[in-house]
Amino acid sequence: MKIIEIKASMNRGLSEKLKLYFPDVVPVVRPIVENQKVQDPNWLAGFTSGEGSFMVKITASQTHSIGFQVKLDFENLVFTNQVCKN
């Protein structure tokens, strides 16, 4: 039951199907995170190798002299910028 309470407190909450099966669930209180500084850079390295993702996108382009554009996109740029500041 605890995992359903945690799921209910996250982003989109419970799906309609889960609400049907668990109508009396009470979401857990989420803690307020005040210090978002990465204390150990090894944590970031491990997180990136385990969960990190980026996409290399190659598209045709009429504005570039070589005829195509290569773009690197990170999934969570806000998080990346915050980590780079610390």
C-alpha atoms as a PDB file:
ATOM      1  CA  MET A   1       0.000   0.000   0.000  1.00  0.00           C
ATOM      2  CA  LYS A   2       2.908   2.341   0.752  1.00  0.00           C
ATOM      3  CA  ILE A   3       4.103   2.274  -2.855  1.00  0.00           C
ATOM      4  CA  ILE A   4       0.633   3.339  -4.049  1.00  0.00           C
ATOM      5  CA  GLU A   5       0.722   6.250  -1.577  1.00  0.00           C
ATOM      6  CA  ILE A   6       4.112   7.316  -2.953  1.00  0.00           C
ATOM      7  CA  LYS A   7       2.876   7.003  -6.546  1.00  0.00           C
ATOM      8  CA  ALA A   8      -0.186   9.115  -5.671  1.00  0.00           C
ATOM      9  CA  SER A   9       2.073  11.951  -4.485  1.00  0.00           C
ATOM     10  CA  MET A  10       4.227  11.999  -7.625  1.00  0.00           C
ATOM     11  CA  ASN A  11       3.759  14.228 -10.694  1.00  0.00           C
ATOM     12  CA  ARG A  12       0.590  12.917 -12.349  1.00  0.00           C
ATOM     13  CA  GLY A  13      -0.655  10.921  -9.400  1.00  0.00           C
ATOM     14  CA  LEU A  14      -2.623   7.737  -9.838  1.00  0.00           C
ATOM     15  CA  SER A  15      -4.142   6.607 -13.093  1.00  0.00           C
ATOM     16  CA  GLU A  16      -7.903   6.208 -13.234  1.00  0.00           C
ATOM     17  CA  LYS A  17      -7.482   2.442 -13.057  1.00  0.00           C
ATOM     18  CA  LEU A  18      -5.372   2.650  -9.876  1.00  0.00           C
ATOM     19  CA  LYS A  19      -7.872   5.080  -8.341  1.00  0.00           C
ATOM     20  CA  LEU A  20     -10.565   2.487  -9.012  1.00  0.00           C
ATOM     21  CA  TYR A  21      -8.591  -0.267  -7.236  1.00  0.00           C
ATOM     22  CA  PHE A  22      -7.322   1.977  -4.401  1.00  0.00           C
ATOM     23  CA  PRO A  23     -10.063   4.552  -3.736  1.00  0.00           C
ATOM     24  CA  ASP A  24      -9.007   5.396  -0.166  1.00  0.00           C
ATOM     25  CA  VAL A  25      -5.310   5.970  -0.768  1.00  0.00           C
ATOM     26  CA  VAL A  26      -3.801   9.071   0.855  1.00  0.00           C
ATOM     27  CA  PRO A  27      -0.730  10.533  -0.914  1.00  0.00           C
ATOM     28  CA  VAL A  28       2.398  10.815   1.222  1.00  0.00           C
ATOM     29  CA  VAL A  29       3.734  14.267   2.034  1.00  0.00           C
ATOM     30  CA  ARG A  30       6.684  15.088  -0.195  1.00  0.00           C
ATOM     31  CA  PRO A  31       9.676  16.700   1.523  1.00  0.00           C
ATOM     32  CA  ILE A  32      10.823  20.146   0.429  1.00  0.00           C
ATOM     33  CA  VAL A  33      14.332  19.927  -1.011  1.00  0.00           C
ATOM     34  CA  GLU A  34      16.207  23.140  -0.321  1.00  0.00           C
ATOM     35  CA  ASN A  35      19.807  22.164  -1.071  1.00  0.00           C
ATOM     36  CA  GLN A  36      20.040  21.022  -4.685  1.00  0.00           C
ATOM     37  CA  LYS A  37      23.810  21.198  -4.872  1.00  0.00           C
ATOM     38  CA  VAL A  38      25.499  17.966  -5.925  1.00  0.00           C
ATOM     39  CA  GLN A  39      27.709  17.093  -2.948  1.00  0.00           C
ATOM     40  CA  ASP A  40      29.719  14.390  -4.685  1.00  0.00           C
ATOM     41  CA  PRO A  41      30.545  14.561  -8.430  1.00  0.00           C
ATOM     42  CA  ASN A  42      30.790  10.761  -8.490  1.00  0.00           C
ATOM     43  CA  TRP A  43      27.046  10.654  -7.842  1.00  0.00           C
ATOM     44  CA  LEU A  44      26.501  12.591 -11.066  1.00  0.00           C
ATOM     45  CA  ALA A  45      28.791  10.266 -13.008  1.00  0.00           C
ATOM     46  CA  GLY A  46      26.929   7.215 -11.705  1.00  0.00           C
ATOM     47  CA  PHE A  47      23.536   8.762 -12.304  1.00  0.00           C
ATOM     48  CA  THR A  48      24.473   9.697 -15.859  1.00  0.00           C
ATOM     49  CA  SER A  49      25.870   6.296 -16.733  1.00  0.00           C
ATOM     50  CA  GLY A  50      22.815   4.582 -15.244  1.00  0.00           C
ATOM     51  CA  GLU A  51      19.984   6.944 -16.186  1.00  0.00           C
ATOM     52  CA  GLY A  52      21.481   9.642 -18.395  1.00  0.00           C
ATOM     53  CA  SER A  53      20.333  10.144 -21.909  1.00  0.00           C
ATOM     54  CA  PHE A  54      20.935  12.472 -24.765  1.00  0.00           C
ATOM     55  CA  MET A  55      20.022  12.458 -28.392  1.00  0.00           C
ATOM     56  CA  VAL A  56      22.083  13.280 -31.461  1.00  0.00           C
ATOM     57  CA  LYS A  57      19.824  14.535 -34.202  1.00  0.00           C
ATOM     58  CA  ILE A  58      20.963  14.899 -37.814  1.00  0.00           C
ATOM     59  CA  THR A  59      18.620  16.842 -40.068  1.00  0.00           C
ATOM     60  CA  ALA A  60      18.743  18.221 -43.582  1.00  0.00           C
ATOM     61  CA  SER A  61      19.365  21.957 -43.655  1.00  0.00           C
ATOM     62  CA  GLN A  62      19.187  24.588 -46.347  1.00  0.00           C
ATOM     63  CA  THR A  63      20.842  27.184 -44.104  1.00  0.00           C
ATOM     64  CA  HIS A  64      24.058  25.252 -43.424  1.00  0.00           C
ATOM     65  CA  SER A  65      26.711  25.067 -46.134  1.00  0.00           C
ATOM     66  CA  ILE A  66      27.256  21.321 -45.711  1.00  0.00           C
ATOM     67  CA  GLY A  67      23.554  20.584 -46.177  1.00  0.00           C
ATOM     68  CA  PHE A  68      22.777  19.137 -42.771  1.00  0.00           C
ATOM     69  CA  GLN A  69      22.742  20.062 -39.095  1.00  0.00           C
ATOM     70  CA  VAL A  70      23.882  17.990 -36.116  1.00  0.00           C
ATOM     71  CA  LYS A  71      22.182  18.786 -32.839  1.00  0.00           C
ATOM     72  CA  LEU A  72      22.861  17.457 -29.324  1.00  0.00           C
ATOM     73  CA  ASP A  73      19.867  17.506 -26.970  1.00  0.00           C
ATOM     74  CA  PHE A  74      19.909  16.669 -23.278  1.00  0.00           C
ATOM     75  CA  GLU A  75      16.678  15.410 -21.720  1.00  0.00           C
ATOM     76  CA  ASN A  76      16.768  17.652 -18.689  1.00  0.00           C
ATOM     77  CA  LEU A  77      18.646  20.835 -19.537  1.00  0.00           C
ATOM     78  CA  VAL A  78      17.471  22.625 -16.366  1.00  0.00           C
ATOM     79  CA  PHE A  79      19.010  19.869 -14.223  1.00  0.00           C
ATOM     80  CA  THR A  80      22.197  19.903 -16.302  1.00  0.00           C
ATOM     81  CA  ASN A  81      22.568  23.665 -15.940  1.00  0.00           C
ATOM     82  CA  GLN A  82      21.976  23.480 -12.182  1.00  0.00           C
ATOM     83  CA  VAL A  83      24.655  20.819 -11.782  1.00  0.00           C
ATOM     84  CA  CYS A  84      27.152  22.780 -13.864  1.00  0.00           C
ATOM     85  CA  LYS A  85      26.682  25.840 -11.623  1.00  0.00           C
ATOM     86  CA  ASN A  86      27.683  23.869  -8.509  1.00  0.00           C
END
